[in-house]
Structures are given as structure tokens and as C-alpha cells.
PDB file of N, CA and C in Angstrom:
ATOM      1  N   MET A   1      26.749  -0.042   2.739  1.00  0.00           N
ATOM      2  CA  MET A   1      25.392  -0.407   2.901  1.00  0.00           C
ATOM      3  C   MET A   1      25.160  -1.811   3.277  1.00  0.00           C
ATOM      4  N   LYS A   2      24.267  -2.050   4.172  1.00  0.00           N
ATOM      5  CA  LYS A   2      23.972  -3.450   4.580  1.00  0.00           C
ATOM      6  C   LYS A   2      23.257  -4.139   3.498  1.00  0.00           C
ATOM      7  N   PRO A   3      23.429  -5.423   3.444  1.00  0.00           N
ATOM      8  CA  PRO A   3      22.760  -6.251   2.415  1.00  0.00           C
ATOM      9  C   PRO A   3      21.296  -6.160   2.488  1.00  0.00           C
ATOM     10  N   LEU A   4      20.634  -5.904   3.655  1.00  0.00           N
ATOM     11  CA  LEU A   4      19.115  -5.747   3.717  1.00  0.00           C
ATOM     12  C   LEU A   4      18.759  -4.416   3.011  1.00  0.00           C
ATOM     13  N   HIS A   5      19.501  -3.425   3.246  1.00  0.00           N
ATOM     14  CA  HIS A   5      19.205  -2.075   2.570  1.00  0.00           C
ATOM     15  C   HIS A   5      19.286  -2.277   1.022  1.00  0.00           C
ATOM     16  N   ILE A   6      20.280  -2.958   0.594  1.00  0.00           N
ATOM     17  CA  ILE A   6      20.368  -3.173  -0.909  1.00  0.00           C
ATOM     18  C   ILE A   6      19.204  -3.976  -1.418  1.00  0.00           C
ATOM     19  N   VAL A   7      18.790  -5.051  -0.731  1.00  0.00           N
ATOM     20  CA  VAL A   7      17.655  -5.829  -1.197  1.00  0.00           C
ATOM     21  C   VAL A   7      16.403  -4.984  -1.137  1.00  0.00           C
ATOM     22  N   LEU A   8      16.141  -4.215  -0.067  1.00  0.00           N
ATOM     23  CA  LEU A   8      14.981  -3.298  -0.104  1.00  0.00           C
ATOM     24  C   LEU A   8      15.058  -2.297  -1.146  1.00  0.00           C
ATOM     25  N   ALA A   9      16.185  -1.694  -1.466  1.00  0.00           N
ATOM     26  CA  ALA A   9      16.327  -0.745  -2.545  1.00  0.00           C
ATOM     27  C   ALA A   9      16.035  -1.386  -3.965  1.00  0.00           C
ATOM     28  N   VAL A  10      16.498  -2.555  -4.167  1.00  0.00           N
ATOM     29  CA  VAL A  10      16.144  -3.202  -5.449  1.00  0.00           C
ATOM     30  C   VAL A  10      14.663  -3.585  -5.486  1.00  0.00           C
ATOM     31  N   ILE A  11      14.107  -4.017  -4.452  1.00  0.00           N
ATOM     32  CA  ILE A  11      12.577  -4.344  -4.489  1.00  0.00           C
ATOM     33  C   ILE A  11      11.770  -3.074  -4.747  1.00  0.00           C
ATOM     34  N   SER A  12      12.239  -1.901  -3.963  1.00  0.00           N
ATOM     35  CA  SER A  12      11.521  -0.768  -4.177  1.00  0.00           C
ATOM     36  C   SER A  12      11.609  -0.178  -5.573  1.00  0.00           C
ATOM     37  N   GLY A  13      12.826  -0.316  -6.104  1.00  0.00           N
ATOM     38  CA  GLY A  13      13.073   0.155  -7.553  1.00  0.00           C
ATOM     39  C   GLY A  13      12.256  -0.602  -8.492  1.00  0.00           C
ATOM     40  N   ALA A  14      12.164  -1.971  -8.340  1.00  0.00           N
ATOM     41  CA  ALA A  14      11.281  -2.792  -9.177  1.00  0.00           C
ATOM     42  C   ALA A  14       9.844  -2.513  -9.087  1.00  0.00           C
ATOM     43  N   ILE A  15       9.400  -2.275  -7.877  1.00  0.00           N
ATOM     44  CA  ILE A  15       7.986  -1.908  -7.674  1.00  0.00           C
ATOM     45  C   ILE A  15       7.645  -0.638  -8.323  1.00  0.00           C
ATOM     46  N   ALA A  16       8.544   0.435  -8.049  1.00  0.00           N
ATOM     47  CA  ALA A  16       8.330   1.828  -8.582  1.00  0.00           C
ATOM     48  C   ALA A  16       8.309   1.760 -10.157  1.00  0.00           C
ATOM     49  N   GLY A  17       9.231   1.032 -10.724  1.00  0.00           N
ATOM     50  CA  GLY A  17       9.345   0.968 -12.130  1.00  0.00           C
ATOM     51  C   GLY A  17       8.116   0.252 -12.759  1.00  0.00           C
ATOM     52  N   ALA A  18       7.751  -0.888 -12.185  1.00  0.00           N
ATOM     53  CA  ALA A  18       6.548  -1.447 -12.643  1.00  0.00           C
ATOM     54  C   ALA A  18       5.312  -0.587 -12.471  1.00  0.00           C
ATOM     55  N   THR A  19       5.232   0.088 -11.444  1.00  0.00           N
ATOM     56  CA  THR A  19       4.152   0.939 -11.067  1.00  0.00           C
ATOM     57  C   THR A  19       3.920   2.102 -12.092  1.00  0.00           C
ATOM     58  N   VAL A  20       5.127   2.727 -12.454  1.00  0.00           N
ATOM     59  CA  VAL A  20       5.179   3.775 -13.367  1.00  0.00           C
ATOM     60  C   VAL A  20       4.698   3.201 -14.794  1.00  0.00           C
ATOM     61  N   GLY A  21       5.153   2.147 -15.142  1.00  0.00           N
ATOM     62  CA  GLY A  21       4.714   1.596 -16.392  1.00  0.00           C
ATOM     63  C   GLY A  21       3.283   1.221 -16.503  1.00  0.00           C
ATOM     64  N   LEU A  22       2.783   0.755 -15.343  1.00  0.00           N
ATOM     65  CA  LEU A  22       1.330   0.512 -15.304  1.00  0.00           C
ATOM     66  C   LEU A  22       0.480   1.719 -15.288  1.00  0.00           C
ATOM     67  N   LEU A  23       0.985   2.693 -14.553  1.00  0.00           N
ATOM     68  CA  LEU A  23       0.119   4.000 -14.417  1.00  0.00           C
ATOM     69  C   LEU A  23       0.059   4.726 -15.790  1.00  0.00           C
ATOM     70  N   PHE A  24       1.122   4.532 -16.650  1.00  0.00           N
ATOM     71  CA  PHE A  24       1.100   5.314 -17.889  1.00  0.00           C
ATOM     72  C   PHE A  24       0.384   4.418 -19.051  1.00  0.00           C
ATOM     73  N   ALA A  25       0.054   3.271 -18.617  1.00  0.00           N
ATOM     74  CA  ALA A  25      -0.655   2.339 -19.548  1.00  0.00           C
ATOM     75  C   ALA A  25      -2.014   2.979 -19.916  1.00  0.00           C
ATOM     76  N   PRO A  26      -2.571   2.757 -21.154  1.00  0.00           N
ATOM     77  CA  PRO A  26      -3.893   3.302 -21.511  1.00  0.00           C
ATOM     78  C   PRO A  26      -4.963   2.448 -20.964  1.00  0.00           C
ATOM     79  N   GLU A  27      -5.121   2.377 -19.699  1.00  0.00           N
ATOM     80  CA  GLU A  27      -6.222   1.597 -19.035  1.00  0.00           C
ATOM     81  C   GLU A  27      -6.877   2.484 -18.081  1.00  0.00           C
ATOM     82  N   LYS A  28      -8.086   2.101 -17.641  1.00  0.00           N
ATOM     83  CA  LYS A  28      -8.700   2.849 -16.614  1.00  0.00           C
ATOM     84  C   LYS A  28      -7.969   2.752 -15.303  1.00  0.00           C
ATOM     85  N   GLY A  29      -8.113   3.698 -14.357  1.00  0.00           N
ATOM     86  CA  GLY A  29      -7.383   3.569 -13.046  1.00  0.00           C
ATOM     87  C   GLY A  29      -7.568   2.314 -12.312  1.00  0.00           C
ATOM     88  N   GLU A  30      -8.897   1.830 -12.261  1.00  0.00           N
ATOM     89  CA  GLU A  30      -9.175   0.686 -11.544  1.00  0.00           C
ATOM     90  C   GLU A  30      -8.447  -0.506 -12.020  1.00  0.00           C
ATOM     91  N   ASN A  31      -8.456  -0.680 -13.360  1.00  0.00           N
ATOM     92  CA  ASN A  31      -7.689  -1.735 -14.036  1.00  0.00           C
ATOM     93  C   ASN A  31      -6.240  -1.591 -13.646  1.00  0.00           C
ATOM     94  N   THR A  32      -5.740  -0.473 -13.752  1.00  0.00           N
ATOM     95  CA  THR A  32      -4.317  -0.241 -13.438  1.00  0.00           C
ATOM     96  C   THR A  32      -3.990  -0.706 -11.947  1.00  0.00           C
ATOM     97  N   ARG A  33      -4.770  -0.193 -11.059  1.00  0.00           N
ATOM     98  CA  ARG A  33      -4.495  -0.551  -9.765  1.00  0.00           C
ATOM     99  C   ARG A  33      -4.574  -2.138  -9.443  1.00  0.00           C
ATOM    100  N   ASP A  34      -5.543  -2.733 -10.161  1.00  0.00           N
ATOM    101  CA  ASP A  34      -5.640  -4.258 -10.165  1.00  0.00           C
ATOM    102  C   ASP A  34      -4.314  -4.902 -10.579  1.00  0.00           C
ATOM    103  N   GLU A  35      -3.852  -4.287 -11.694  1.00  0.00           N
ATOM    104  CA  GLU A  35      -2.542  -4.840 -12.181  1.00  0.00           C
ATOM    105  C   GLU A  35      -1.415  -4.715 -11.269  1.00  0.00           C
ATOM    106  N   ILE A  36      -1.381  -3.432 -10.637  1.00  0.00           N
ATOM    107  CA  ILE A  36      -0.315  -3.237  -9.595  1.00  0.00           C
ATOM    108  C   ILE A  36      -0.412  -4.171  -8.422  1.00  0.00           C
ATOM    109  N   ILE A  37      -1.625  -4.472  -8.023  1.00  0.00           N
ATOM    110  CA  ILE A  37      -1.792  -5.442  -6.952  1.00  0.00           C
ATOM    111  C   ILE A  37      -1.501  -6.840  -7.334  1.00  0.00           C
ATOM    112  N   LYS A  38      -1.796  -7.263  -8.545  1.00  0.00           N
ATOM    113  CA  LYS A  38      -1.333  -8.618  -9.140  1.00  0.00           C
ATOM    114  C   LYS A  38       0.233  -8.625  -9.099  1.00  0.00           C
ATOM    115  N   TYR A  39       0.872  -7.543  -9.573  1.00  0.00           N
ATOM    116  CA  TYR A  39       2.219  -7.593  -9.730  1.00  0.00           C
ATOM    117  C   TYR A  39       2.951  -7.744  -8.344  1.00  0.00           C
ATOM    118  N   LEU A  40       2.440  -6.858  -7.328  1.00  0.00           N
ATOM    119  CA  LEU A  40       3.024  -6.866  -6.031  1.00  0.00           C
ATOM    120  C   LEU A  40       2.814  -8.382  -5.457  1.00  0.00           C
ATOM    121  N   LYS A  41       1.732  -8.932  -5.623  1.00  0.00           N
ATOM    122  CA  LYS A  41       1.470 -10.369  -5.095  1.00  0.00           C
ATOM    123  C   LYS A  41       2.286 -11.324  -5.730  1.00  0.00           C
ATOM    124  N   SER A  42       2.696 -11.146  -7.100  1.00  0.00           N
ATOM    125  CA  SER A  42       3.487 -12.086  -7.814  1.00  0.00           C
ATOM    126  C   SER A  42       4.937 -11.988  -7.251  1.00  0.00           C
ATOM    127  N   LYS A  43       5.267 -10.825  -6.738  1.00  0.00           N
ATOM    128  CA  LYS A  43       6.702 -10.653  -6.186  1.00  0.00           C
ATOM    129  C   LYS A  43       6.722 -11.057  -4.720  1.00  0.00           C
ATOM    130  N   GLY A  44       5.617 -11.568  -4.136  1.00  0.00           N
ATOM    131  CA  GLY A  44       5.686 -12.059  -2.830  1.00  0.00           C
ATOM    132  C   GLY A  44       5.342 -11.015  -1.754  1.00  0.00           C
ATOM    133  N   ILE A  45       4.893  -9.881  -2.129  1.00  0.00           N
ATOM    134  CA  ILE A  45       4.604  -8.843  -1.291  1.00  0.00           C
ATOM    135  C   ILE A  45       3.090  -9.055  -0.758  1.00  0.00           C
ATOM    136  N   LYS A  46       2.910  -9.374   0.478  1.00  0.00           N
ATOM    137  CA  LYS A  46       1.568  -9.678   0.996  1.00  0.00           C
ATOM    138  C   LYS A  46       1.153  -8.554   1.964  1.00  0.00           C
ATOM    139  N   LEU A  47       0.318  -7.715   1.510  1.00  0.00           N
ATOM    140  CA  LEU A  47      -0.384  -6.733   2.322  1.00  0.00           C
ATOM    141  C   LEU A  47      -1.910  -6.933   2.077  1.00  0.00           C
ATOM    142  N   LYS A  48      -2.546  -6.298   3.027  1.00  0.00           N
ATOM    143  CA  LYS A  48      -4.080  -6.202   2.907  1.00  0.00           C
ATOM    144  C   LYS A  48      -4.369  -5.421   1.693  1.00  0.00           C
ATOM    145  N   ARG A  49      -5.360  -5.706   1.029  1.00  0.00           N
ATOM    146  CA  ARG A  49      -5.828  -5.050  -0.193  1.00  0.00           C
ATOM    147  C   ARG A  49      -5.914  -3.600   0.019  1.00  0.00           C
ATOM    148  N   SER A  50      -6.419  -3.115   1.176  1.00  0.00           N
ATOM    149  CA  SER A  50      -6.550  -1.722   1.317  1.00  0.00           C
ATOM    150  C   SER A  50      -5.184  -1.067   1.420  1.00  0.00           C
ATOM    151  N   LYS A  51      -4.212  -1.755   2.123  1.00  0.00           N
ATOM    152  CA  LYS A  51      -2.927  -1.228   2.077  1.00  0.00           C
ATOM    153  C   LYS A  51      -2.211  -1.156   0.790  1.00  0.00           C
ATOM    154  N   ILE A  52      -2.433  -2.094   0.004  1.00  0.00           N
ATOM    155  CA  ILE A  52      -1.866  -2.097  -1.376  1.00  0.00           C
ATOM    156  C   ILE A  52      -2.498  -1.074  -2.235  1.00  0.00           C
ATOM    157  N   GLU A  53      -3.839  -0.908  -2.180  1.00  0.00           N
ATOM    158  CA  GLU A  53      -4.465   0.130  -2.821  1.00  0.00           C
ATOM    159  C   GLU A  53      -3.965   1.619  -2.377  1.00  0.00           C
ATOM    160  N   GLU A  54      -3.749   1.785  -1.140  1.00  0.00           N
ATOM    161  CA  GLU A  54      -3.186   2.978  -0.524  1.00  0.00           C
ATOM    162  C   GLU A  54      -1.800   3.206  -1.186  1.00  0.00           C
ATOM    163  N   LEU A  55      -1.023   2.232  -1.321  1.00  0.00           N
ATOM    164  CA  LEU A  55       0.337   2.340  -1.850  1.00  0.00           C
ATOM    165  C   LEU A  55       0.261   2.730  -3.294  1.00  0.00           C
ATOM    166  N   ALA A  56      -0.634   2.074  -4.077  1.00  0.00           N
ATOM    167  CA  ALA A  56      -0.861   2.395  -5.506  1.00  0.00           C
ATOM    168  C   ALA A  56      -1.323   3.836  -5.608  1.00  0.00           C
ATOM    169  N   ASP A  57      -2.269   4.315  -4.766  1.00  0.00           N
ATOM    170  CA  ASP A  57      -2.691   5.724  -4.816  1.00  0.00           C
ATOM    171  C   ASP A  57      -1.591   6.749  -4.523  1.00  0.00           C
ATOM    172  N   GLU A  58      -0.841   6.363  -3.536  1.00  0.00           N
ATOM    173  CA  GLU A  58       0.370   7.256  -3.150  1.00  0.00           C
ATOM    174  C   GLU A  58       1.358   7.362  -4.290  1.00  0.00           C
ATOM    175  N   ILE A  59       1.553   6.219  -4.906  1.00  0.00           N
ATOM    176  CA  ILE A  59       2.485   6.276  -6.054  1.00  0.00           C
ATOM    177  C   ILE A  59       1.902   7.106  -7.232  1.00  0.00           C
ATOM    178  N   ALA A  60       0.684   6.941  -7.462  1.00  0.00           N
ATOM    179  CA  ALA A  60      -0.006   7.696  -8.508  1.00  0.00           C
ATOM    180  C   ALA A  60       0.087   9.115  -8.268  1.00  0.00           C
ATOM    181  N   GLU A  61      -0.115   9.560  -7.021  1.00  0.00           N
ATOM    182  CA  GLU A  61      -0.116  10.997  -6.636  1.00  0.00           C
ATOM    183  C   GLU A  61       1.394  11.515  -6.812  1.00  0.00           C
ATOM    184  N   GLU A  62       2.298  10.738  -6.419  1.00  0.00           N
ATOM    185  CA  GLU A  62       3.781  11.307  -6.661  1.00  0.00           C
ATOM    186  C   GLU A  62       4.103  11.409  -7.956  1.00  0.00           C
ATOM    187  N   ILE A  63       3.640  10.599  -8.899  1.00  0.00           N
ATOM    188  CA  ILE A  63       3.949  10.655 -10.307  1.00  0.00           C
ATOM    189  C   ILE A  63       3.199  11.903 -10.935  1.00  0.00           C
ATOM    190  N   LYS A  64       2.071  12.296 -10.596  1.00  0.00           N
ATOM    191  CA  LYS A  64       1.358  13.355 -10.974  1.00  0.00           C
ATOM    192  C   LYS A  64       1.988  14.722 -10.628  1.00  0.00           C
ATOM    193  N   GLY A  65       2.603  14.562  -9.408  1.00  0.00           N
ATOM    194  CA  GLY A  65       3.376  15.632  -8.835  1.00  0.00           C
ATOM    195  C   GLY A  65       2.784  16.822  -8.520  1.00  0.00           C
TER     196      GLY A  65
END
């Protein structure tokens, strides 16, 4: 594996783990999405808010299965 792939895998895993934790938290969906956005920004991931919300929605749908 190339180092870039390893870094991306680690970042993806961290984001997925944090997202799962936040999605199962006993808060409203809007608050949860805001927390996901704050977390992503704190990790240096800079996307437009609409793209981050789209990502949060996609992760939520995958979890609900």
C-alpha cells in the first residue's frame, strides 16, 4: 500500500468512527450533523457546508442500512 492510501484509510476510519458515535448519540439529527461538521473542520477537512451535510446524510443512510 502506498503511504497516501494508508493516510486516507486512517482518516476515513476516524471520520466513520466519530460519525457513528455521533449518530447514535441521543440528540436531534440537526444537532448531530452540526457536531459532525465541527469534528470534520477540527480535523482540517475543508468542504462546503452543503458537501459536508451531504456526507453526513450519506453516512447516516449507510448506518440505517
